[in-house]
Protein backbone atom coordinates (compact mmCIF):
# COMPACT_ATOMS: atom_id res chain seq x y z
CA MET A 1 82.21 160.70 91.29
CA SER A 2 85.96 160.73 90.70
CA ILE A 3 88.10 157.59 90.44
CA VAL A 4 90.82 157.24 93.10
CA ARG A 5 93.58 154.64 92.97
CA GLU A 6 95.75 154.16 96.04
CA SER A 7 99.18 152.54 96.15
CA ASP A 8 102.00 152.16 98.67
CA LEU A 9 105.36 153.74 97.90
CA ILE A 10 107.79 151.65 99.94
CA GLY A 11 110.08 153.89 101.99
CA ILE A 12 108.30 157.03 100.77
CA GLY A 13 104.61 156.93 101.74
CA LYS A 14 101.37 156.61 99.74
CA LYS A 15 100.33 157.66 96.26
CA TYR A 16 96.79 158.56 95.22
CA GLN A 17 95.93 158.85 91.53
CA ILE A 18 92.73 160.82 91.01
CA GLU A 19 90.73 161.13 87.82
CA THR A 20 88.10 163.84 88.28
CA GLU A 21 84.65 164.03 86.75
CA ALA A 22 85.98 166.85 84.55
CA GLY A 23 88.61 164.47 83.14
CA ASP A 24 91.61 165.95 84.93
CA ASN A 25 94.29 163.62 86.26
CA MET A 26 96.04 164.41 89.53
CA VAL A 27 98.50 162.52 91.71
CA VAL A 28 98.94 163.19 95.43
CA VAL A 29 102.01 161.74 97.14
CA ILE A 30 101.92 161.74 100.95
CA HIS A 31 105.44 161.30 102.28
CA ASP A 32 106.09 159.54 105.59
CA ASP A 33 107.55 162.82 106.91
CA GLY A 34 104.19 164.59 106.37
CA ARG A 35 104.98 166.47 103.14
CA ARG A 36 102.47 166.30 100.32
CA GLU A 37 103.26 166.70 96.65
CA LEU A 38 100.61 167.47 94.07
CA TYR A 39 101.19 166.41 90.48
CA ARG A 40 99.19 166.98 87.32
CA HIS A 41 99.26 164.42 84.52
CA GLU A 42 99.37 165.98 81.08
CA ASP A 43 97.91 163.69 78.42
CA GLU A 44 99.68 165.32 75.51
CA ASP A 45 103.24 164.57 76.70
CA ASN A 46 102.32 161.60 78.94
CA GLU A 47 104.35 163.14 81.79
CA THR A 48 103.48 164.05 85.33
CA HIS A 49 104.57 167.50 86.57
CA CYS A 50 104.89 168.54 90.21
CA VAL A 51 102.55 171.46 90.79
CA MET A 52 103.40 172.15 94.43
CA THR A 53 104.75 170.74 97.68
CA LEU A 54 102.91 171.37 100.96
CA SER A 55 103.85 170.74 104.57
CA ASP A 56 101.52 168.68 106.76
CA GLU A 57 100.04 171.84 108.32
CA GLU A 58 99.56 173.53 104.93
CA SER A 59 97.89 170.39 103.59
CA ARG A 60 95.40 170.38 106.45
CA GLN A 61 94.64 174.06 105.88
CA VAL A 62 94.01 173.44 102.18
CA ALA A 63 91.89 170.38 103.02
CA GLY A 64 89.74 172.52 105.30
CA ILE A 65 89.35 175.14 102.61
CA LEU A 66 88.48 172.60 99.92
CA GLY A 67 86.18 170.74 102.31
CA GLY A 68 84.22 173.89 103.06
CA LEU A 69 85.20 174.38 106.69
CA SER A 70 86.10 178.04 106.09
CA TYR A 71 83.51 179.00 103.49
CA LYS A 72 80.55 177.16 102.12
CA PRO A 73 78.63 178.54 99.15
CA LYS A 74 75.03 179.42 100.06
CA ALA A 75 73.71 176.82 97.62
CA LEU A 76 75.49 174.08 99.61
CA GLU A 77 74.29 174.88 103.15
CA THR A 78 72.85 171.39 103.61
CA ILE A 79 75.60 169.51 101.79
CA GLU A 80 76.58 166.10 102.98
CA VAL A 81 79.61 163.98 102.21
CA ALA A 82 79.70 160.20 102.55
CA LEU A 83 82.82 158.05 102.95
CA ASP A 84 81.71 154.46 103.44
CA ASP A 85 79.68 154.62 106.70
CA LEU A 86 81.07 158.01 107.72
CA ARG A 87 78.95 161.01 106.79
CA ILE A 88 79.80 164.67 107.16
CA GLU A 89 76.92 167.14 107.11
CA TRP A 90 76.50 170.87 107.56
CA TYR A 91 73.61 171.94 109.79
CA LYS A 92 72.57 175.57 110.26
CA VAL A 93 71.24 176.29 113.77
CA GLU A 94 68.02 178.32 113.80
CA PRO A 95 66.91 180.56 116.70
CA SER A 96 63.95 178.27 117.38
CA ASN A 97 66.10 175.14 117.84
CA ASP A 98 66.02 173.48 121.29
CA GLY A 99 69.82 173.19 121.30
CA VAL A 100 70.32 176.95 121.06
CA ASN A 101 72.35 178.60 123.85
CA LYS A 102 73.33 175.22 125.29
CA SER A 103 76.83 173.81 125.34
CA ILE A 104 77.90 170.65 123.55
CA GLY A 105 78.53 169.15 127.02
CA GLN A 106 75.05 170.09 128.29
CA LEU A 107 73.50 168.39 125.28
CA GLU A 108 75.74 165.34 125.82
CA VAL A 109 76.23 165.17 122.07
CA ARG A 110 78.72 162.27 121.90
CA GLN A 111 77.16 160.23 124.73
CA ARG A 112 73.57 160.52 123.46
CA THR A 113 74.13 160.36 119.71
CA GLY A 114 77.56 158.92 118.86
CA ALA A 115 78.03 161.80 116.38
CA SER A 116 80.70 164.49 116.64
CA ILE A 117 80.60 168.21 115.98
CA ILE A 118 83.88 168.69 114.14
CA ALA A 119 83.56 172.41 113.41
CA ALA A 120 81.37 175.41 114.20
CA ILE A 121 81.21 178.20 111.63
CA ARG A 122 79.77 181.62 112.45
CA GLU A 123 80.31 184.59 110.14
CA GLU A 124 84.09 184.92 109.76
CA GLU A 125 85.03 182.60 112.64
CA THR A 126 85.58 178.87 112.31
CA ILE A 127 86.21 176.75 115.40
CA ILE A 128 87.67 173.35 114.59
CA ASN A 129 86.72 170.56 116.99
CA PRO A 130 84.77 172.67 119.51
CA GLY A 131 84.96 171.30 123.04
CA PRO A 132 82.18 170.47 125.52
CA ASP A 133 82.09 174.09 126.77
CA TYR A 134 81.25 175.46 123.31
CA VAL A 135 77.81 177.12 123.36
CA ILE A 136 75.70 176.65 120.22
CA THR A 137 74.26 179.98 119.06
CA PRO A 138 71.65 180.83 116.39
CA GLY A 139 73.08 181.27 112.91
CA THR A 140 76.00 178.93 113.55
CA THR A 141 76.63 176.23 110.98
CA LEU A 142 77.76 173.00 112.61
CA VAL A 143 79.85 170.48 110.70
CA ILE A 144 78.74 167.09 112.00
CA ALA A 145 80.42 163.71 111.46
CA GLY A 146 79.11 160.23 112.17
CA LYS A 147 76.98 157.44 110.81
CA GLN A 148 73.67 158.49 109.29
CA LYS A 149 71.63 157.25 112.28
CA ASN A 150 73.94 159.12 114.71
CA ILE A 151 73.62 162.37 112.77
CA LYS A 152 69.84 161.97 112.73
CA LEU A 153 69.86 161.64 116.55
CA LEU A 154 72.01 164.75 116.88
CA LYS A 155 69.68 166.75 114.66
CA GLU A 156 66.75 165.64 116.84
CA ILE A 157 68.56 166.96 119.93
CA LEU A 158 69.30 170.26 118.18
CA LEU A 159 65.76 170.73 116.88
């Protein structure tokens, strides 16, 4: 797991220093106006170089790409991410599942489980934050967020 250090930049925003498992050092500065700057720390000259600047919208697009919302390698189809109590899991809907061909609203996902379906991925189409009218079809990969017990309840409804 990488090491992340967070600090406030008064009048600017927040700074995150990240040391990856591979030994790379990166700094992300999130400005109060929404811009993000990515820096790479070079050990040999002990300097930090700006690699790129992204707008808020571009940053969210890149976050979705890095987080696997657009494409998830086959080997990671059941991946889960944990951030304190929050978990994010990918769940592939099979044709035999009880939740197939029912809408999120019909299944009362939030009311019955407390979990949220934050994305639905099917072939080349990704729907971010599908609404209650979204119908769950076989072969769709759902990106689910919630506490572990809430996600377990949602999976039980979908099975």
